[in-house]
Amino acid sequence: MLIIAGLAGADFLYGRGSFLISTYLIVIVALSQQNELMTAWDCALLPSIFLNYLTALMISVMNVLVSIDRYLAVVRSLQYRHLDIQYAYRMLGGAAIFALLSFFFLLSSNYFGLERVHNVSRLCVGRLFPRFYMIYRVFSKISPGLIYEK
């Protein structure tokens, strides 16, 4: 149940990030600042942007954890019954470590991977992160589906 709560928390944060992005875009357009330029680093530091990018990855990680948990519950049901709360804490701890590493990778890829030129509009659309980070993000989202590929 705790692992499902972790997935619900990741979903909630993703929804909060989407709401913040929508609010940010409405305010920028209402103030007619959509054509002003800023750096990709400035965009990456906006809470709505990094929250959205980070929680999109965490939802896929939490789906993997739920899949593993359900797999163990079906295949090893007798052993699964004897697992205690420490099992869930270890699973969620691994997800938290992955989240921290992804957060560090998210910001450092932008800081070290892109030039600091004012070439992104205040709407923060376009290329905000280098190509290698986007490949990492796509692979992290596809990897949960690879579990069932046998």
C-alpha atoms as a PDB file:
ATOM      1  CA  MET A   1       0.000   0.000   0.000  1.00  0.00           C
ATOM      2  CA  LEU A   2       2.901   2.333   0.753  1.00  0.00           C
ATOM      3  CA  ILE A   3       4.328   1.850  -2.744  1.00  0.00           C
ATOM      4  CA  ILE A   4       0.965   2.787  -4.282  1.00  0.00           C
ATOM      5  CA  ALA A   5       0.976   5.883  -2.071  1.00  0.00           C
ATOM      6  CA  GLY A   6       4.408   6.750  -3.495  1.00  0.00           C
ATOM      7  CA  LEU A   7       2.985   6.479  -7.007  1.00  0.00           C
ATOM      8  CA  ALA A   8       0.057   8.677  -5.985  1.00  0.00           C
ATOM      9  CA  GLY A   9       2.514  11.226  -4.564  1.00  0.00           C
ATOM     10  CA  ALA A  10       4.494  11.290  -7.810  1.00  0.00           C
ATOM     11  CA  ASP A  11       1.248  11.725  -9.756  1.00  0.00           C
ATOM     12  CA  PHE A  12       0.207  14.559  -7.454  1.00  0.00           C
ATOM     13  CA  LEU A  13       3.522  16.360  -7.912  1.00  0.00           C
ATOM     14  CA  TYR A  14       3.286  15.923 -11.680  1.00  0.00           C
ATOM     15  CA  GLY A  15      -0.185  17.437 -11.626  1.00  0.00           C
ATOM     16  CA  ARG A  16       1.062  20.294  -9.453  1.00  0.00           C
ATOM     17  CA  GLY A  17       3.898  20.926 -11.916  1.00  0.00           C
ATOM     18  CA  SER A  18       1.487  20.946 -14.854  1.00  0.00           C
ATOM     19  CA  PHE A  19      -0.744  23.397 -13.005  1.00  0.00           C
ATOM     20  CA  LEU A  20       2.253  25.653 -12.291  1.00  0.00           C
ATOM     21  CA  ILE A  21       3.341  25.563 -15.937  1.00  0.00           C
ATOM     22  CA  SER A  22      -0.160  26.483 -17.085  1.00  0.00           C
ATOM     23  CA  THR A  23      -0.368  29.324 -14.589  1.00  0.00           C
ATOM     24  CA  TYR A  24       3.099  30.575 -15.581  1.00  0.00           C
ATOM     25  CA  LEU A  25       2.199  30.552 -19.293  1.00  0.00           C
ATOM     26  CA  ILE A  26      -1.072  32.402 -18.689  1.00  0.00           C
ATOM     27  CA  VAL A  27       0.686  35.084 -16.636  1.00  0.00           C
ATOM     28  CA  ILE A  28       3.487  35.524 -19.208  1.00  0.00           C
ATOM     29  CA  VAL A  29       1.002  35.880 -22.065  1.00  0.00           C
ATOM     30  CA  ALA A  30      -1.239  38.215 -20.024  1.00  0.00           C
ATOM     31  CA  LEU A  31       1.750  40.477 -19.333  1.00  0.00           C
ATOM     32  CA  SER A  32       2.814  40.333 -23.028  1.00  0.00           C
ATOM     33  CA  GLN A  33       6.288  39.069 -22.127  1.00  0.00           C
ATOM     34  CA  GLN A  34       6.220  35.973 -24.342  1.00  0.00           C
ATOM     35  CA  ASN A  35       8.716  37.438 -26.842  1.00  0.00           C
ATOM     36  CA  GLU A  36      11.380  38.367 -24.308  1.00  0.00           C
ATOM     37  CA  LEU A  37      14.408  36.101 -24.446  1.00  0.00           C
ATOM     38  CA  MET A  38      16.112  34.296 -21.598  1.00  0.00           C
ATOM     39  CA  THR A  39      18.657  31.492 -21.255  1.00  0.00           C
ATOM     40  CA  ALA A  40      17.769  27.812 -21.043  1.00  0.00           C
ATOM     41  CA  TRP A  41      19.349  27.808 -17.563  1.00  0.00           C
ATOM     42  CA  ASP A  42      16.850  30.441 -16.408  1.00  0.00           C
ATOM     43  CA  CYS A  43      14.033  28.238 -17.698  1.00  0.00           C
ATOM     44  CA  ALA A  44      15.447  25.145 -15.989  1.00  0.00           C
ATOM     45  CA  LEU A  45      15.465  26.962 -12.654  1.00  0.00           C
ATOM     46  CA  LEU A  46      11.744  27.673 -12.813  1.00  0.00           C
ATOM     47  CA  PRO A  47      10.047  25.379 -10.281  1.00  0.00           C
ATOM     48  CA  SER A  48       7.331  24.410 -12.735  1.00  0.00           C
ATOM     49  CA  ILE A  49       9.822  23.269 -15.388  1.00  0.00           C
ATOM     50  CA  PHE A  50      12.120  21.148 -13.255  1.00  0.00           C
ATOM     51  CA  LEU A  51       9.182  19.757 -11.262  1.00  0.00           C
ATOM     52  CA  ASN A  52       7.493  18.662 -14.464  1.00  0.00           C
ATOM     53  CA  TYR A  53      10.622  17.078 -15.942  1.00  0.00           C
ATOM     54  CA  LEU A  54      11.598  15.355 -12.698  1.00  0.00           C
ATOM     55  CA  THR A  55       8.188  13.976 -11.769  1.00  0.00           C
ATOM     56  CA  ALA A  56       7.606  12.642 -15.281  1.00  0.00           C
ATOM     57  CA  LEU A  57      10.636  10.419 -14.674  1.00  0.00           C
ATOM     58  CA  MET A  58       9.517   9.527 -11.181  1.00  0.00           C
ATOM     59  CA  ILE A  59       6.125   8.337 -12.378  1.00  0.00           C
ATOM     60  CA  SER A  60       7.819   5.814 -14.638  1.00  0.00           C
ATOM     61  CA  VAL A  61      10.109   4.688 -11.795  1.00  0.00           C
ATOM     62  CA  MET A  62       7.156   4.292  -9.458  1.00  0.00           C
ATOM     63  CA  ASN A  63       5.318   2.284 -12.104  1.00  0.00           C
ATOM     64  CA  VAL A  64       8.331  -0.045 -12.245  1.00  0.00           C
ATOM     65  CA  LEU A  65       8.248  -0.438  -8.466  1.00  0.00           C
ATOM     66  CA  VAL A  66       4.522  -1.171  -8.483  1.00  0.00           C
ATOM     67  CA  SER A  67       5.049  -3.699 -11.289  1.00  0.00           C
ATOM     68  CA  ILE A  68       7.812  -5.450  -9.368  1.00  0.00           C
ATOM     69  CA  ASP A  69       5.692  -5.455  -6.227  1.00  0.00           C
ATOM     70  CA  ARG A  70       2.677  -6.931  -8.028  1.00  0.00           C
ATOM     71  CA  TYR A  71       4.893  -9.483  -9.773  1.00  0.00           C
ATOM     72  CA  LEU A  72       6.276 -10.656  -6.435  1.00  0.00           C
ATOM     73  CA  ALA A  73       2.777 -10.782  -4.967  1.00  0.00           C
ATOM     74  CA  VAL A  74       1.604 -13.123  -7.723  1.00  0.00           C
ATOM     75  CA  VAL A  75       4.657 -15.301  -8.372  1.00  0.00           C
ATOM     76  CA  ARG A  76       5.991 -15.584  -4.811  1.00  0.00           C
ATOM     77  CA  SER A  77       2.800 -15.122  -2.846  1.00  0.00           C
ATOM     78  CA  LEU A  78       3.883 -17.166   0.191  1.00  0.00           C
ATOM     79  CA  GLN A  79       7.140 -15.228   0.559  1.00  0.00           C
ATOM     80  CA  TYR A  80       5.408 -11.929  -0.225  1.00  0.00           C
ATOM     81  CA  ARG A  81       3.075 -12.381   2.748  1.00  0.00           C
ATOM     82  CA  HIS A  82       6.072 -12.309   5.090  1.00  0.00           C
ATOM     83  CA  LEU A  83       7.537  -9.065   3.777  1.00  0.00           C
ATOM     84  CA  ASP A  84       7.323  -6.240   6.281  1.00  0.00           C
ATOM     85  CA  ILE A  85       7.206  -2.461   6.037  1.00  0.00           C
ATOM     86  CA  GLN A  86      11.007  -2.323   5.668  1.00  0.00           C
ATOM     87  CA  TYR A  87      10.581  -3.834   2.193  1.00  0.00           C
ATOM     88  CA  ALA A  88       8.420  -0.891   1.122  1.00  0.00           C
ATOM     89  CA  TYR A  89      10.804   1.592   2.732  1.00  0.00           C
ATOM     90  CA  ARG A  90      13.734   0.092   0.815  1.00  0.00           C
ATOM     91  CA  MET A  91      11.808   0.278  -2.461  1.00  0.00           C
ATOM     92  CA  LEU A  92      10.798   3.896  -1.842  1.00  0.00           C
ATOM     93  CA  GLY A  93      14.308   4.751  -0.647  1.00  0.00           C
ATOM     94  CA  GLY A  94      15.707   3.497  -3.938  1.00  0.00           C
ATOM     95  CA  ALA A  95      13.172   5.640  -5.791  1.00  0.00           C
ATOM     96  CA  ALA A  96      14.143   8.662  -3.690  1.00  0.00           C
ATOM     97  CA  ILE A  97      17.836   8.141  -4.448  1.00  0.00           C
ATOM     98  CA  PHE A  98      17.005   7.858  -8.140  1.00  0.00           C
ATOM     99  CA  ALA A  99      14.986  11.095  -7.884  1.00  0.00           C
ATOM    100  CA  LEU A 100      17.897  12.954  -6.280  1.00  0.00           C
ATOM    101  CA  LEU A 101      20.359  11.687  -8.882  1.00  0.00           C
ATOM    102  CA  SER A 102      17.952  12.602 -11.690  1.00  0.00           C
ATOM    103  CA  PHE A 103      17.476  16.068 -10.208  1.00  0.00           C
ATOM    104  CA  PHE A 104      21.242  16.563 -10.084  1.00  0.00           C
ATOM    105  CA  PHE A 105      21.594  15.230 -13.633  1.00  0.00           C
ATOM    106  CA  LEU A 106      18.741  17.461 -14.830  1.00  0.00           C
ATOM    107  CA  LEU A 107      20.321  20.679 -13.590  1.00  0.00           C
ATOM    108  CA  SER A 108      23.938  19.782 -14.306  1.00  0.00           C
ATOM    109  CA  SER A 109      23.151  18.709 -17.877  1.00  0.00           C
ATOM    110  CA  ASN A 110      21.660  22.111 -18.527  1.00  0.00           C
ATOM    111  CA  TYR A 111      24.394  24.015 -16.692  1.00  0.00           C
ATOM    112  CA  PHE A 112      27.332  22.240 -18.343  1.00  0.00           C
ATOM    113  CA  GLY A 113      25.717  21.097 -21.593  1.00  0.00           C
ATOM    114  CA  LEU A 114      24.333  24.286 -23.110  1.00  0.00           C
ATOM    115  CA  GLU A 115      25.730  27.716 -23.856  1.00  0.00           C
ATOM    116  CA  ARG A 116      24.440  30.653 -21.887  1.00  0.00           C
ATOM    117  CA  VAL A 117      22.833  32.659 -24.643  1.00  0.00           C
ATOM    118  CA  HIS A 118      19.481  34.381 -24.579  1.00  0.00           C
ATOM    119  CA  ASN A 119      17.808  32.229 -27.212  1.00  0.00           C
ATOM    120  CA  VAL A 120      14.731  30.835 -25.423  1.00  0.00           C
ATOM    121  CA  SER A 121      11.492  32.774 -25.126  1.00  0.00           C
ATOM    122  CA  ARG A 122       9.963  33.348 -21.710  1.00  0.00           C
ATOM    123  CA  LEU A 123       7.427  30.643 -22.549  1.00  0.00           C
ATOM    124  CA  CYS A 124      10.308  28.138 -22.137  1.00  0.00           C
ATOM    125  CA  VAL A 125       9.484  26.122 -25.215  1.00  0.00           C
ATOM    126  CA  GLY A 126      12.158  24.647 -27.410  1.00  0.00           C
ATOM    127  CA  ARG A 127      15.432  23.038 -26.484  1.00  0.00           C
ATOM    128  CA  LEU A 128      15.921  23.484 -22.757  1.00  0.00           C
ATOM    129  CA  PHE A 129      18.208  20.519 -22.177  1.00  0.00           C
ATOM    130  CA  PRO A 130      21.038  18.920 -24.161  1.00  0.00           C
ATOM    131  CA  ARG A 131      20.423  15.930 -26.363  1.00  0.00           C
ATOM    132  CA  PHE A 132      22.028  13.395 -23.996  1.00  0.00           C
ATOM    133  CA  TYR A 133      19.626  14.361 -21.207  1.00  0.00           C
ATOM    134  CA  MET A 134      16.635  13.960 -23.502  1.00  0.00           C
ATOM    135  CA  ILE A 135      17.882  10.487 -24.518  1.00  0.00           C
ATOM    136  CA  TYR A 136      18.246   9.614 -20.819  1.00  0.00           C
ATOM    137  CA  ARG A 137      14.719  10.843 -20.181  1.00  0.00           C
ATOM    138  CA  VAL A 138      13.225   8.839 -23.049  1.00  0.00           C
ATOM    139  CA  PHE A 139      15.091   5.687 -21.997  1.00  0.00           C
ATOM    140  CA  SER A 140      13.897   6.121 -18.403  1.00  0.00           C
ATOM    141  CA  LYS A 141      10.322   6.351 -19.589  1.00  0.00           C
ATOM    142  CA  ILE A 142      10.578   3.341 -21.924  1.00  0.00           C
ATOM    143  CA  SER A 143      12.382   1.047 -19.491  1.00  0.00           C
ATOM    144  CA  PRO A 144       9.255   0.116 -17.450  1.00  0.00           C
ATOM    145  CA  GLY A 145       7.770  -1.469 -20.542  1.00  0.00           C
ATOM    146  CA  LEU A 146      10.890  -3.581 -21.040  1.00  0.00           C
ATOM    147  CA  ILE A 147      10.100  -5.532 -17.881  1.00  0.00           C
ATOM    148  CA  TYR A 148       7.184  -7.243 -19.595  1.00  0.00           C
ATOM    149  CA  GLU A 149       9.116  -7.928 -22.797  1.00  0.00           C
ATOM    150  CA  LYS A 150       9.959 -11.626 -22.621  1.00  0.00           C
END
